[in-house]
Amino acid sequence: MNADDVCPLISGKRILVTGGAGFIGSHIADALVADNEVVIVDNLSTGSLENVPVDAEFVEGECTGSRGYGCCNGGRRHCLPSRCDRKC
């Protein structure tokens, strides 16, 4: 399955998939990774690294914040797209 099966307009994008190590999120990431740059953020509370597509970038952490995504990972902060309102 590739992005054309999901939506022919999704190609050449950078896409964030939260929960991408879980059952549903990993299938979404699988469908998108062939034609897009996919970043997966998951805290692995119910998901598994085995579900993450090898061509996707993986960040273990959680996304929070009201002004953007603040992704906390081991005391480091990854901000997606550009602003965070939470300290790790």
C-alpha atoms as a PDB file:
ATOM      1  CA  MET A   1       0.000   0.000   0.000  1.00  0.00           C
ATOM      2  CA  ASN A   2       1.281   3.498  -0.776  1.00  0.00           C
ATOM      3  CA  ALA A   3       0.015   7.044  -0.415  1.00  0.00           C
ATOM      4  CA  ASP A   4      -1.779   6.843  -3.787  1.00  0.00           C
ATOM      5  CA  ASP A   5      -4.070   4.208  -2.290  1.00  0.00           C
ATOM      6  CA  VAL A   6      -4.920   6.514   0.606  1.00  0.00           C
ATOM      7  CA  CYS A   7      -5.044   9.880  -1.124  1.00  0.00           C
ATOM      8  CA  PRO A   8      -3.482  10.787  -4.461  1.00  0.00           C
ATOM      9  CA  LEU A   9      -2.846  14.352  -3.228  1.00  0.00           C
ATOM     10  CA  ILE A  10      -0.494  13.306  -0.416  1.00  0.00           C
ATOM     11  CA  SER A  11       2.941  13.095  -1.981  1.00  0.00           C
ATOM     12  CA  GLY A  12       6.254  14.821  -1.333  1.00  0.00           C
ATOM     13  CA  LYS A  13       5.176  16.069   2.106  1.00  0.00           C
ATOM     14  CA  ARG A  14       6.706  15.950   5.588  1.00  0.00           C
ATOM     15  CA  ILE A  15       4.056  14.278   7.747  1.00  0.00           C
ATOM     16  CA  LEU A  16       3.857  13.821  11.514  1.00  0.00           C
ATOM     17  CA  VAL A  17       2.080  10.656  12.666  1.00  0.00           C
ATOM     18  CA  THR A  18       1.374  10.543  16.389  1.00  0.00           C
ATOM     19  CA  GLY A  19       0.895   7.068  17.787  1.00  0.00           C
ATOM     20  CA  GLY A  20       2.699   5.631  14.782  1.00  0.00           C
ATOM     21  CA  ALA A  21       4.004   2.596  16.686  1.00  0.00           C
ATOM     22  CA  GLY A  22       0.471   1.412  17.403  1.00  0.00           C
ATOM     23  CA  PHE A  23      -1.799  -0.663  15.193  1.00  0.00           C
ATOM     24  CA  ILE A  24      -3.695   2.107  13.398  1.00  0.00           C
ATOM     25  CA  GLY A  25      -0.875   4.662  13.349  1.00  0.00           C
ATOM     26  CA  SER A  26       1.630   2.194  11.928  1.00  0.00           C
ATOM     27  CA  HIS A  27      -0.702   1.308   9.077  1.00  0.00           C
ATOM     28  CA  ILE A  28      -1.166   4.999   8.301  1.00  0.00           C
ATOM     29  CA  ALA A  29       2.614   5.509   8.380  1.00  0.00           C
ATOM     30  CA  ASP A  30       3.140   2.473   6.129  1.00  0.00           C
ATOM     31  CA  ALA A  31       0.748   3.952   3.577  1.00  0.00           C
ATOM     32  CA  LEU A  32       2.472   7.343   3.599  1.00  0.00           C
ATOM     33  CA  VAL A  33       6.178   6.505   3.882  1.00  0.00           C
ATOM     34  CA  ALA A  34       6.678   5.472   0.241  1.00  0.00           C
ATOM     35  CA  ASP A  35       5.926   8.937  -1.146  1.00  0.00           C
ATOM     36  CA  ASN A  36       6.534  11.211   1.860  1.00  0.00           C
ATOM     37  CA  GLU A  37       8.944  12.003   4.667  1.00  0.00           C
ATOM     38  CA  VAL A  38       7.237  10.543   7.749  1.00  0.00           C
ATOM     39  CA  VAL A  39       8.064  11.409  11.366  1.00  0.00           C
ATOM     40  CA  ILE A  40       6.498   9.210  14.028  1.00  0.00           C
ATOM     41  CA  VAL A  41       6.095  10.308  17.632  1.00  0.00           C
ATOM     42  CA  ASP A  42       5.000   7.625  20.077  1.00  0.00           C
ATOM     43  CA  ASN A  43       5.543   7.023  23.787  1.00  0.00           C
ATOM     44  CA  LEU A  44       5.435   3.237  23.246  1.00  0.00           C
ATOM     45  CA  SER A  45       2.896   2.826  26.058  1.00  0.00           C
ATOM     46  CA  THR A  46       0.850   0.446  23.901  1.00  0.00           C
ATOM     47  CA  GLY A  47       2.757   0.448  20.605  1.00  0.00           C
ATOM     48  CA  SER A  48       5.909  -1.372  19.572  1.00  0.00           C
ATOM     49  CA  LEU A  49       9.060  -0.363  17.715  1.00  0.00           C
ATOM     50  CA  GLU A  50       8.512  -3.404  15.490  1.00  0.00           C
ATOM     51  CA  ASN A  51       5.491  -1.598  13.991  1.00  0.00           C
ATOM     52  CA  VAL A  52       7.461   1.494  12.919  1.00  0.00           C
ATOM     53  CA  PRO A  53       8.330   1.556   9.199  1.00  0.00           C
ATOM     54  CA  VAL A  54      12.102   1.449   8.675  1.00  0.00           C
ATOM     55  CA  ASP A  55      11.984   4.467   6.351  1.00  0.00           C
ATOM     56  CA  ALA A  56      10.242   6.672   8.940  1.00  0.00           C
ATOM     57  CA  GLU A  57      11.995   8.885  11.483  1.00  0.00           C
ATOM     58  CA  PHE A  58      11.038   7.816  15.015  1.00  0.00           C
ATOM     59  CA  VAL A  59      10.915  10.024  18.117  1.00  0.00           C
ATOM     60  CA  GLU A  60      10.039   8.340  21.402  1.00  0.00           C
ATOM     61  CA  GLY A  61       8.037  10.829  23.420  1.00  0.00           C
ATOM     62  CA  GLU A  62       4.737  12.614  23.792  1.00  0.00           C
ATOM     63  CA  CYS A  63       3.240  15.593  22.013  1.00  0.00           C
ATOM     64  CA  THR A  64       1.585  18.260  24.089  1.00  0.00           C
ATOM     65  CA  GLY A  65       0.940  21.972  23.977  1.00  0.00           C
ATOM     66  CA  SER A  66      -1.749  24.395  22.952  1.00  0.00           C
ATOM     67  CA  ARG A  67       0.328  26.593  20.615  1.00  0.00           C
ATOM     68  CA  GLY A  68       2.033  23.829  18.689  1.00  0.00           C
ATOM     69  CA  TYR A  69       3.418  20.387  19.311  1.00  0.00           C
ATOM     70  CA  GLY A  70       5.952  20.058  22.080  1.00  0.00           C
ATOM     71  CA  CYS A  71       7.521  16.643  21.952  1.00  0.00           C
ATOM     72  CA  CYS A  72       9.333  15.609  25.085  1.00  0.00           C
ATOM     73  CA  ASN A  73      11.949  12.921  24.861  1.00  0.00           C
ATOM     74  CA  GLY A  74      14.367  12.179  27.667  1.00  0.00           C
ATOM     75  CA  GLY A  75      14.528  15.779  28.848  1.00  0.00           C
ATOM     76  CA  ARG A  76      15.108  17.112  25.338  1.00  0.00           C
ATOM     77  CA  ARG A  77      12.473  19.152  23.610  1.00  0.00           C
ATOM     78  CA  HIS A  78      11.557  18.716  19.957  1.00  0.00           C
ATOM     79  CA  CYS A  79       9.229  21.396  18.700  1.00  0.00           C
ATOM     80  CA  LEU A  80       6.926  20.720  15.812  1.00  0.00           C
ATOM     81  CA  PRO A  81       6.274  22.886  13.917  1.00  0.00           C
ATOM     82  CA  SER A  82       8.090  25.698  15.689  1.00  0.00           C
ATOM     83  CA  ARG A  83       6.771  26.550  19.154  1.00  0.00           C
ATOM     84  CA  CYS A  84       6.506  24.788  22.498  1.00  0.00           C
ATOM     85  CA  ASP A  85       4.736  25.887  25.636  1.00  0.00           C
ATOM     86  CA  ARG A  86       5.799  22.988  27.850  1.00  0.00           C
ATOM     87  CA  LYS A  87       9.164  22.277  29.403  1.00  0.00           C
ATOM     88  CA  CYS A  88      10.311  18.679  29.618  1.00  0.00           C
END
